[in-house]
Amino acid sequence: MRNVKFVIAALLLSVSMVMLTDKEASAAPTIEGTYDLKLEELGVPEELINDMSFSKKEHIVNSNPKKYLGGEKGILSTSGESQQDGGISTMGLIPADDMEFRVDVFSNGYTSDGRDMYMVVVGYTWLQEPVWKLQDPFGVKWDDSKFRYQDNSSFNKIDYCYGGSLQTCNDWYTETSEIYPYSGDGGLGWNADLKGHATLATANSGFGSLILETKDGVSLPSGGSSQVHAYYAHVIDSFGSIGLDFKGVNVTFSGSRTVDDRALTKTFYY
């Protein structure tokens, strides 16, 4: 009888330990939850955090930004006329319910020699998969009189899925690159590979990011501001060249193919 009581007590203890372990595990924050908390501390709005892919959250947090300075995303009315979004007028033909395109700016502190640093993230998410799934150029233009590109800071990541939508995909594939195929005075760009090869991707999103640092002799005034201009060109034919032009204050498509596009401007304050 004593042995039976001992066995029962041991079983009860084991069950209690399992229940405690399960409770502790469920209470432990996930990696994505940890990223969400960090982004919230930086001042990123909850709505934006919820819309971000895991890849984007991971990259931003690991880039060690100090503060979120704001962002813009494009919207178009059903009639196709440009609308205002935070004071910014969008341009282009890509409907808002087909693709979300946005640009966000973060303060990244200072370099070892005292230069101001800012991270710019340009992201896209195809809400409805396009018919044409080629390589779409996208990029960003900044004030070349104040800032320069920080060496080796370019980062491009694409997320894509086979057999599921944005909401239902459980097996995302990712590709990363530090290469930027397009550059010019005060501008840099990447390619969004929509994976329209032998097997068609059923969901696509991605982003490009870079670090800007102040040029020699530039001191940013407190309360001053600057702008970045983001651009996405969706290629809708198979013949000809693709490219980006960074002349003036904007970035535009410079190839010979037919494109639909989207452009945004974001003002950020020092």
C-alpha atoms as a PDB file:
ATOM      1  CA  MET A   1       0.000   0.000   0.000  1.00  0.00           C
ATOM      2  CA  ARG A   2       2.856   2.322   0.813  1.00  0.00           C
ATOM      3  CA  ASN A   3       4.344   1.695  -2.650  1.00  0.00           C
ATOM      4  CA  VAL A   4       1.014   2.497  -4.324  1.00  0.00           C
ATOM      5  CA  LYS A   5       0.803   5.811  -2.443  1.00  0.00           C
ATOM      6  CA  PHE A   6       4.362   6.592  -3.466  1.00  0.00           C
ATOM      7  CA  VAL A   7       3.607   5.926  -7.150  1.00  0.00           C
ATOM      8  CA  ILE A   8       0.456   8.083  -7.051  1.00  0.00           C
ATOM      9  CA  ALA A   9       2.356  10.942  -5.397  1.00  0.00           C
ATOM     10  CA  ALA A  10       5.096  10.711  -8.005  1.00  0.00           C
ATOM     11  CA  LEU A  11       2.547  10.805 -10.823  1.00  0.00           C
ATOM     12  CA  LEU A  12       0.809  13.849  -9.342  1.00  0.00           C
ATOM     13  CA  LEU A  13       4.151  15.634  -8.995  1.00  0.00           C
ATOM     14  CA  SER A  14       5.023  14.857 -12.618  1.00  0.00           C
ATOM     15  CA  VAL A  15       1.668  16.167 -13.862  1.00  0.00           C
ATOM     16  CA  SER A  16       2.100  19.360 -11.822  1.00  0.00           C
ATOM     17  CA  MET A  17       5.563  19.919 -13.268  1.00  0.00           C
ATOM     18  CA  VAL A  18       4.285  19.414 -16.836  1.00  0.00           C
ATOM     19  CA  MET A  19       1.417  21.860 -16.242  1.00  0.00           C
ATOM     20  CA  LEU A  20       3.815  24.425 -14.789  1.00  0.00           C
ATOM     21  CA  THR A  21       6.231  23.999 -17.684  1.00  0.00           C
ATOM     22  CA  ASP A  22       3.422  24.434 -20.236  1.00  0.00           C
ATOM     23  CA  LYS A  23       2.191  27.552 -18.444  1.00  0.00           C
ATOM     24  CA  GLU A  24       5.671  29.042 -18.361  1.00  0.00           C
ATOM     25  CA  ALA A  25       6.187  28.248 -22.044  1.00  0.00           C
ATOM     26  CA  SER A  26       2.904  29.888 -23.031  1.00  0.00           C
ATOM     27  CA  ALA A  27       3.797  32.985 -21.013  1.00  0.00           C
ATOM     28  CA  ALA A  28       7.252  33.303 -22.584  1.00  0.00           C
ATOM     29  CA  PRO A  29       7.386  35.926 -25.358  1.00  0.00           C
ATOM     30  CA  THR A  30       7.955  34.708 -28.902  1.00  0.00           C
ATOM     31  CA  ILE A  31      10.773  36.094 -31.019  1.00  0.00           C
ATOM     32  CA  GLU A  32       8.253  38.056 -33.068  1.00  0.00           C
ATOM     33  CA  GLY A  33       6.605  39.298 -29.874  1.00  0.00           C
ATOM     34  CA  THR A  34       9.984  40.569 -28.682  1.00  0.00           C
ATOM     35  CA  TYR A  35      10.436  42.414 -31.979  1.00  0.00           C
ATOM     36  CA  ASP A  36       6.955  43.919 -31.634  1.00  0.00           C
ATOM     37  CA  LEU A  37       7.792  45.271 -28.175  1.00  0.00           C
ATOM     38  CA  LYS A  38      11.036  46.801 -29.412  1.00  0.00           C
ATOM     39  CA  LEU A  39       9.305  48.454 -32.373  1.00  0.00           C
ATOM     40  CA  GLU A  40       6.663  49.833 -30.017  1.00  0.00           C
ATOM     41  CA  GLU A  41       9.425  51.318 -27.842  1.00  0.00           C
ATOM     42  CA  LEU A  42      10.849  53.029 -30.937  1.00  0.00           C
ATOM     43  CA  GLY A  43       7.504  54.711 -31.548  1.00  0.00           C
ATOM     44  CA  VAL A  44       6.273  52.584 -34.464  1.00  0.00           C
ATOM     45  CA  PRO A  45       2.431  52.668 -34.573  1.00  0.00           C
ATOM     46  CA  GLU A  46       0.665  49.434 -33.633  1.00  0.00           C
ATOM     47  CA  GLU A  47      -1.140  49.287 -36.978  1.00  0.00           C
ATOM     48  CA  LEU A  48       2.164  49.389 -38.844  1.00  0.00           C
ATOM     49  CA  ILE A  49       3.707  46.742 -36.585  1.00  0.00           C
ATOM     50  CA  ASN A  50       0.766  44.438 -37.272  1.00  0.00           C
ATOM     51  CA  ASP A  51       1.171  44.957 -41.020  1.00  0.00           C
ATOM     52  CA  MET A  52       4.915  44.244 -41.037  1.00  0.00           C
ATOM     53  CA  SER A  53       6.297  40.907 -42.144  1.00  0.00           C
ATOM     54  CA  PHE A  54       8.492  38.994 -39.715  1.00  0.00           C
ATOM     55  CA  SER A  55      11.457  39.607 -42.046  1.00  0.00           C
ATOM     56  CA  LYS A  56      10.972  43.354 -41.910  1.00  0.00           C
ATOM     57  CA  LYS A  57      10.597  43.430 -38.129  1.00  0.00           C
ATOM     58  CA  GLU A  58      13.724  41.335 -37.712  1.00  0.00           C
ATOM     59  CA  HIS A  59      15.824  43.522 -39.986  1.00  0.00           C
ATOM     60  CA  ILE A  60      14.717  46.809 -38.450  1.00  0.00           C
ATOM     61  CA  VAL A  61      15.290  45.683 -34.859  1.00  0.00           C
ATOM     62  CA  ASN A  62      18.678  44.140 -35.676  1.00  0.00           C
ATOM     63  CA  SER A  63      19.738  47.408 -37.338  1.00  0.00           C
ATOM     64  CA  ASN A  64      19.552  49.006 -33.868  1.00  0.00           C
ATOM     65  CA  PRO A  65      17.593  52.181 -34.671  1.00  0.00           C
ATOM     66  CA  LYS A  66      17.061  54.775 -31.941  1.00  0.00           C
ATOM     67  CA  LYS A  67      13.707  56.320 -32.914  1.00  0.00           C
ATOM     68  CA  TYR A  68      10.957  56.015 -35.512  1.00  0.00           C
ATOM     69  CA  LEU A  69      10.596  59.296 -37.403  1.00  0.00           C
ATOM     70  CA  GLY A  70       7.524  58.423 -39.438  1.00  0.00           C
ATOM     71  CA  GLY A  71       6.440  56.948 -42.734  1.00  0.00           C
ATOM     72  CA  GLU A  72       4.007  57.220 -45.620  1.00  0.00           C
ATOM     73  CA  LYS A  73       2.042  54.750 -47.693  1.00  0.00           C
ATOM     74  CA  GLY A  74       0.297  55.415 -50.968  1.00  0.00           C
ATOM     75  CA  ILE A  75      -3.430  55.347 -51.575  1.00  0.00           C
ATOM     76  CA  LEU A  76      -5.404  55.880 -54.760  1.00  0.00           C
ATOM     77  CA  SER A  77      -9.130  56.472 -55.065  1.00  0.00           C
ATOM     78  CA  THR A  78     -11.317  54.058 -57.017  1.00  0.00           C
ATOM     79  CA  SER A  79     -11.467  56.620 -59.808  1.00  0.00           C
ATOM     80  CA  GLY A  80      -7.691  56.555 -60.097  1.00  0.00           C
ATOM     81  CA  GLU A  81      -7.250  60.178 -59.061  1.00  0.00           C
ATOM     82  CA  SER A  82      -4.469  60.971 -56.642  1.00  0.00           C
ATOM     83  CA  GLN A  83      -5.435  61.382 -52.994  1.00  0.00           C
ATOM     84  CA  GLN A  84      -3.653  62.901 -50.052  1.00  0.00           C
ATOM     85  CA  ASP A  85      -2.141  60.638 -47.413  1.00  0.00           C
ATOM     86  CA  GLY A  86      -0.568  62.601 -44.605  1.00  0.00           C
ATOM     87  CA  GLY A  87      -0.110  65.572 -46.899  1.00  0.00           C
ATOM     88  CA  ILE A  88       1.619  63.505 -49.588  1.00  0.00           C
ATOM     89  CA  SER A  89       0.142  63.083 -53.061  1.00  0.00           C
ATOM     90  CA  THR A  90       0.651  59.676 -54.639  1.00  0.00           C
ATOM     91  CA  MET A  91       1.388  59.152 -58.303  1.00  0.00           C
ATOM     92  CA  GLY A  92       0.930  56.154 -60.551  1.00  0.00           C
ATOM     93  CA  LEU A  93      -1.450  53.536 -61.815  1.00  0.00           C
ATOM     94  CA  ILE A  94      -1.141  50.655 -59.353  1.00  0.00           C
ATOM     95  CA  PRO A  95      -4.475  50.481 -57.461  1.00  0.00           C
ATOM     96  CA  ALA A  96      -4.281  50.673 -53.680  1.00  0.00           C
ATOM     97  CA  ASP A  97      -6.113  47.376 -53.288  1.00  0.00           C
ATOM     98  CA  ASP A  98      -3.489  45.640 -55.462  1.00  0.00           C
ATOM     99  CA  MET A  99      -0.288  46.761 -53.753  1.00  0.00           C
ATOM    100  CA  GLU A 100       0.715  48.562 -50.575  1.00  0.00           C
ATOM    101  CA  PHE A 101       3.865  50.648 -51.002  1.00  0.00           C
ATOM    102  CA  ARG A 102       5.444  52.594 -48.158  1.00  0.00           C
ATOM    103  CA  VAL A 103       8.580  54.360 -46.986  1.00  0.00           C
ATOM    104  CA  ASP A 104       9.692  54.680 -43.343  1.00  0.00           C
ATOM    105  CA  VAL A 105      12.528  56.612 -41.712  1.00  0.00           C
ATOM    106  CA  PHE A 106      14.382  55.865 -38.465  1.00  0.00           C
ATOM    107  CA  SER A 107      17.038  57.779 -36.565  1.00  0.00           C
ATOM    108  CA  ASN A 108      20.068  55.508 -36.142  1.00  0.00           C
ATOM    109  CA  GLY A 109      22.207  57.623 -33.839  1.00  0.00           C
ATOM    110  CA  TYR A 110      25.718  58.686 -34.792  1.00  0.00           C
ATOM    111  CA  THR A 111      28.787  57.245 -36.473  1.00  0.00           C
ATOM    112  CA  SER A 112      32.071  56.963 -34.591  1.00  0.00           C
ATOM    113  CA  ASP A 113      33.154  60.304 -36.072  1.00  0.00           C
ATOM    114  CA  GLY A 114      29.923  62.084 -35.120  1.00  0.00           C
ATOM    115  CA  ARG A 115      27.856  61.941 -38.307  1.00  0.00           C
ATOM    116  CA  ASP A 116      24.062  61.711 -37.997  1.00  0.00           C
ATOM    117  CA  MET A 117      22.649  58.421 -39.301  1.00  0.00           C
ATOM    118  CA  TYR A 118      19.182  57.672 -40.659  1.00  0.00           C
ATOM    119  CA  MET A 119      17.790  54.372 -41.881  1.00  0.00           C
ATOM    120  CA  VAL A 120      15.330  54.441 -44.785  1.00  0.00           C
ATOM    121  CA  VAL A 121      13.153  51.378 -45.426  1.00  0.00           C
ATOM    122  CA  VAL A 122      11.165  51.092 -48.661  1.00  0.00           C
ATOM    123  CA  GLY A 123       8.670  48.224 -48.643  1.00  0.00           C
ATOM    124  CA  TYR A 124       6.009  46.701 -50.884  1.00  0.00           C
ATOM    125  CA  THR A 125       3.297  44.073 -50.384  1.00  0.00           C
ATOM    126  CA  TRP A 126       1.188  42.732 -53.224  1.00  0.00           C
ATOM    127  CA  LEU A 127      -2.306  42.417 -51.777  1.00  0.00           C
ATOM    128  CA  GLN A 128      -3.606  41.002 -55.061  1.00  0.00           C
ATOM    129  CA  GLU A 129      -1.124  39.033 -57.145  1.00  0.00           C
ATOM    130  CA  PRO A 130      -0.330  40.782 -60.456  1.00  0.00           C
ATOM    131  CA  VAL A 131      -0.537  39.093 -63.844  1.00  0.00           C
ATOM    132  CA  TRP A 132       3.006  40.128 -64.723  1.00  0.00           C
ATOM    133  CA  LYS A 133       5.567  38.561 -62.378  1.00  0.00           C
ATOM    134  CA  LEU A 134       8.918  39.819 -63.582  1.00  0.00           C
ATOM    135  CA  GLN A 135      11.550  41.956 -61.844  1.00  0.00           C
ATOM    136  CA  ASP A 136      10.268  45.351 -60.731  1.00  0.00           C
ATOM    137  CA  PRO A 137      12.776  48.115 -59.934  1.00  0.00           C
ATOM    138  CA  PHE A 138      12.184  50.236 -56.837  1.00  0.00           C
ATOM    139  CA  GLY A 139      14.327  52.736 -54.992  1.00  0.00           C
ATOM    140  CA  VAL A 140      14.764  55.892 -52.961  1.00  0.00           C
ATOM    141  CA  LYS A 141      16.158  59.394 -53.547  1.00  0.00           C
ATOM    142  CA  TRP A 142      17.474  61.693 -50.804  1.00  0.00           C
ATOM    143  CA  ASP A 143      18.912  65.202 -50.411  1.00  0.00           C
ATOM    144  CA  ASP A 144      22.365  64.824 -51.918  1.00  0.00           C
ATOM    145  CA  SER A 145      23.523  68.147 -50.455  1.00  0.00           C
ATOM    146  CA  LYS A 146      23.171  66.847 -46.888  1.00  0.00           C
ATOM    147  CA  PHE A 147      23.479  63.067 -46.951  1.00  0.00           C
ATOM    148  CA  ARG A 148      25.496  60.295 -48.507  1.00  0.00           C
ATOM    149  CA  TYR A 149      25.002  56.551 -48.670  1.00  0.00           C
ATOM    150  CA  GLN A 150      26.831  54.699 -45.905  1.00  0.00           C
ATOM    151  CA  ASP A 151      29.086  52.052 -47.404  1.00  0.00           C
ATOM    152  CA  ASN A 152      27.826  48.456 -47.210  1.00  0.00           C
ATOM    153  CA  SER A 153      24.479  49.424 -45.669  1.00  0.00           C
ATOM    154  CA  SER A 154      22.256  48.316 -48.570  1.00  0.00           C
ATOM    155  CA  PHE A 155      19.928  45.396 -47.807  1.00  0.00           C
ATOM    156  CA  ASN A 156      17.220  43.858 -49.986  1.00  0.00           C
ATOM    157  CA  LYS A 157      14.904  41.041 -48.905  1.00  0.00           C
ATOM    158  CA  ILE A 158      12.040  39.354 -50.717  1.00  0.00           C
ATOM    159  CA  ASP A 159       9.447  37.013 -49.210  1.00  0.00           C
ATOM    160  CA  TYR A 160       7.380  34.775 -51.451  1.00  0.00           C
ATOM    161  CA  CYS A 161       5.057  31.793 -51.167  1.00  0.00           C
ATOM    162  CA  TYR A 162       3.930  28.920 -53.377  1.00  0.00           C
ATOM    163  CA  GLY A 163       0.387  27.718 -52.834  1.00  0.00           C
ATOM    164  CA  GLY A 164      -0.943  30.218 -50.295  1.00  0.00           C
ATOM    165  CA  SER A 165      -2.050  33.824 -50.024  1.00  0.00           C
ATOM    166  CA  LEU A 166      -0.648  36.522 -47.741  1.00  0.00           C
ATOM    167  CA  GLN A 167      -3.114  35.425 -45.086  1.00  0.00           C
ATOM    168  CA  THR A 168      -2.915  31.633 -45.537  1.00  0.00           C
ATOM    169  CA  CYS A 169       0.715  30.925 -46.428  1.00  0.00           C
ATOM    170  CA  ASN A 170       2.508  28.857 -43.786  1.00  0.00           C
ATOM    171  CA  ASP A 171       5.752  28.249 -45.659  1.00  0.00           C
ATOM    172  CA  TRP A 172       7.432  31.454 -46.780  1.00  0.00           C
ATOM    173  CA  TYR A 173      10.646  31.486 -48.794  1.00  0.00           C
ATOM    174  CA  THR A 174      13.090  34.361 -48.444  1.00  0.00           C
ATOM    175  CA  GLU A 175      16.040  35.724 -50.388  1.00  0.00           C
ATOM    176  CA  THR A 176      18.407  38.452 -49.259  1.00  0.00           C
ATOM    177  CA  SER A 177      21.024  40.530 -51.010  1.00  0.00           C
ATOM    178  CA  GLU A 178      23.278  43.485 -50.307  1.00  0.00           C
ATOM    179  CA  ILE A 179      23.557  44.281 -54.019  1.00  0.00           C
ATOM    180  CA  TYR A 180      21.918  47.410 -55.427  1.00  0.00           C
ATOM    181  CA  PRO A 181      21.680  47.351 -59.242  1.00  0.00           C
ATOM    182  CA  TYR A 182      20.661  51.017 -59.507  1.00  0.00           C
ATOM    183  CA  SER A 183      22.450  54.069 -58.142  1.00  0.00           C
ATOM    184  CA  GLY A 184      22.990  57.717 -58.936  1.00  0.00           C
ATOM    185  CA  ASP A 185      23.560  61.077 -57.288  1.00  0.00           C
ATOM    186  CA  GLY A 186      21.610  60.837 -54.052  1.00  0.00           C
ATOM    187  CA  GLY A 187      19.741  57.684 -54.984  1.00  0.00           C
ATOM    188  CA  LEU A 188      19.826  53.899 -54.839  1.00  0.00           C
ATOM    189  CA  GLY A 189      17.532  51.080 -55.950  1.00  0.00           C
ATOM    190  CA  TRP A 190      16.851  47.350 -55.933  1.00  0.00           C
ATOM    191  CA  ASN A 191      14.803  44.741 -57.792  1.00  0.00           C
ATOM    192  CA  ALA A 192      11.621  43.107 -56.535  1.00  0.00           C
ATOM    193  CA  ASP A 193      11.660  39.591 -57.999  1.00  0.00           C
ATOM    194  CA  LEU A 194       8.008  38.528 -58.219  1.00  0.00           C
ATOM    195  CA  LYS A 195       8.956  34.921 -59.011  1.00  0.00           C
ATOM    196  CA  GLY A 196       7.067  34.426 -62.250  1.00  0.00           C
ATOM    197  CA  HIS A 197       9.313  31.622 -63.441  1.00  0.00           C
ATOM    198  CA  ALA A 198       8.416  27.943 -63.984  1.00  0.00           C
ATOM    199  CA  THR A 199       6.462  27.869 -60.716  1.00  0.00           C
ATOM    200  CA  LEU A 200       4.463  31.027 -60.067  1.00  0.00           C
ATOM    201  CA  ALA A 201       4.622  32.573 -56.611  1.00  0.00           C
ATOM    202  CA  THR A 202       1.203  33.087 -55.042  1.00  0.00           C
ATOM    203  CA  ALA A 203       2.212  35.826 -52.564  1.00  0.00           C
ATOM    204  CA  ASN A 204       4.929  38.487 -52.710  1.00  0.00           C
ATOM    205  CA  SER A 205       6.320  41.130 -50.379  1.00  0.00           C
ATOM    206  CA  GLY A 206       9.714  42.644 -49.718  1.00  0.00           C
ATOM    207  CA  PHE A 207      11.750  45.708 -48.846  1.00  0.00           C
ATOM    208  CA  GLY A 208      15.009  47.504 -49.397  1.00  0.00           C
ATOM    209  CA  SER A 209      16.850  49.530 -46.779  1.00  0.00           C
ATOM    210  CA  LEU A 210      19.935  51.672 -46.436  1.00  0.00           C
ATOM    211  CA  ILE A 211      21.689  53.984 -44.003  1.00  0.00           C
ATOM    212  CA  LEU A 212      22.232  57.653 -44.782  1.00  0.00           C
ATOM    213  CA  GLU A 213      24.911  59.648 -43.007  1.00  0.00           C
ATOM    214  CA  THR A 214      25.634  63.363 -43.073  1.00  0.00           C
ATOM    215  CA  LYS A 215      28.286  64.581 -45.476  1.00  0.00           C
ATOM    216  CA  ASP A 216      31.543  66.258 -44.495  1.00  0.00           C
ATOM    217  CA  GLY A 217      30.931  69.666 -42.953  1.00  0.00           C
ATOM    218  CA  VAL A 218      27.151  69.235 -42.693  1.00  0.00           C
ATOM    219  CA  SER A 219      25.557  70.065 -39.344  1.00  0.00           C
ATOM    220  CA  LEU A 220      21.830  69.423 -39.166  1.00  0.00           C
ATOM    221  CA  PRO A 221      19.879  72.182 -37.364  1.00  0.00           C
ATOM    222  CA  SER A 222      17.622  71.124 -34.518  1.00  0.00           C
ATOM    223  CA  GLY A 223      14.043  71.136 -35.759  1.00  0.00           C
ATOM    224  CA  GLY A 224      15.139  71.076 -39.387  1.00  0.00           C
ATOM    225  CA  SER A 225      13.764  68.667 -41.949  1.00  0.00           C
ATOM    226  CA  SER A 226      14.579  66.760 -45.095  1.00  0.00           C
ATOM    227  CA  GLN A 227      12.750  64.535 -47.577  1.00  0.00           C
ATOM    228  CA  VAL A 228      13.148  61.116 -49.134  1.00  0.00           C
ATOM    229  CA  HIS A 229      11.353  60.097 -52.320  1.00  0.00           C
ATOM    230  CA  ALA A 230      10.443  56.438 -52.870  1.00  0.00           C
ATOM    231  CA  TYR A 231       9.403  54.856 -56.173  1.00  0.00           C
ATOM    232  CA  TYR A 232       8.189  51.475 -57.465  1.00  0.00           C
ATOM    233  CA  ALA A 233       7.811  50.534 -61.150  1.00  0.00           C
ATOM    234  CA  HIS A 234       5.744  47.444 -61.979  1.00  0.00           C
ATOM    235  CA  VAL A 235       6.860  46.010 -65.323  1.00  0.00           C
ATOM    236  CA  ILE A 236       3.989  44.878 -67.567  1.00  0.00           C
ATOM    237  CA  ASP A 237       5.761  43.649 -70.701  1.00  0.00           C
ATOM    238  CA  SER A 238       8.624  41.270 -71.440  1.00  0.00           C
ATOM    239  CA  PHE A 239      10.751  43.197 -73.923  1.00  0.00           C
ATOM    240  CA  GLY A 240      13.199  46.015 -73.360  1.00  0.00           C
ATOM    241  CA  SER A 241      15.313  47.367 -70.537  1.00  0.00           C
ATOM    242  CA  ILE A 242      14.537  48.382 -66.977  1.00  0.00           C
ATOM    243  CA  GLY A 243      16.264  50.990 -64.859  1.00  0.00           C
ATOM    244  CA  LEU A 244      15.897  53.906 -62.452  1.00  0.00           C
ATOM    245  CA  ASP A 245      16.805  57.552 -62.965  1.00  0.00           C
ATOM    246  CA  PHE A 246      17.869  59.654 -59.956  1.00  0.00           C
ATOM    247  CA  LYS A 247      18.049  63.072 -61.582  1.00  0.00           C
ATOM    248  CA  GLY A 248      16.716  66.125 -59.763  1.00  0.00           C
ATOM    249  CA  VAL A 249      14.773  65.527 -56.558  1.00  0.00           C
ATOM    250  CA  ASN A 250      12.845  62.424 -57.644  1.00  0.00           C
ATOM    251  CA  VAL A 251      13.462  58.881 -58.800  1.00  0.00           C
ATOM    252  CA  THR A 252      11.724  57.666 -61.963  1.00  0.00           C
ATOM    253  CA  PHE A 253      11.730  54.719 -64.366  1.00  0.00           C
ATOM    254  CA  SER A 254      14.355  54.963 -67.103  1.00  0.00           C
ATOM    255  CA  GLY A 255      13.907  51.718 -69.052  1.00  0.00           C
ATOM    256  CA  SER A 256      12.119  50.999 -72.324  1.00  0.00           C
ATOM    257  CA  ARG A 257       9.451  48.639 -70.985  1.00  0.00           C
ATOM    258  CA  THR A 258       5.887  49.589 -70.102  1.00  0.00           C
ATOM    259  CA  VAL A 259       5.291  50.080 -66.380  1.00  0.00           C
ATOM    260  CA  ASP A 260       2.659  51.002 -63.839  1.00  0.00           C
ATOM    261  CA  ASP A 261       4.180  52.892 -60.938  1.00  0.00           C
ATOM    262  CA  ARG A 262       3.759  54.290 -57.458  1.00  0.00           C
ATOM    263  CA  ALA A 263       5.699  57.127 -55.813  1.00  0.00           C
ATOM    264  CA  LEU A 264       5.811  58.620 -52.327  1.00  0.00           C
ATOM    265  CA  THR A 265       7.537  61.458 -50.514  1.00  0.00           C
ATOM    266  CA  LYS A 266       8.266  61.503 -46.786  1.00  0.00           C
ATOM    267  CA  THR A 267       9.375  64.551 -44.814  1.00  0.00           C
ATOM    268  CA  PHE A 268      11.288  63.732 -41.640  1.00  0.00           C
ATOM    269  CA  TYR A 269      12.545  66.025 -38.887  1.00  0.00           C
ATOM    270  CA  TYR A 270      15.938  66.004 -37.173  1.00  0.00           C
END
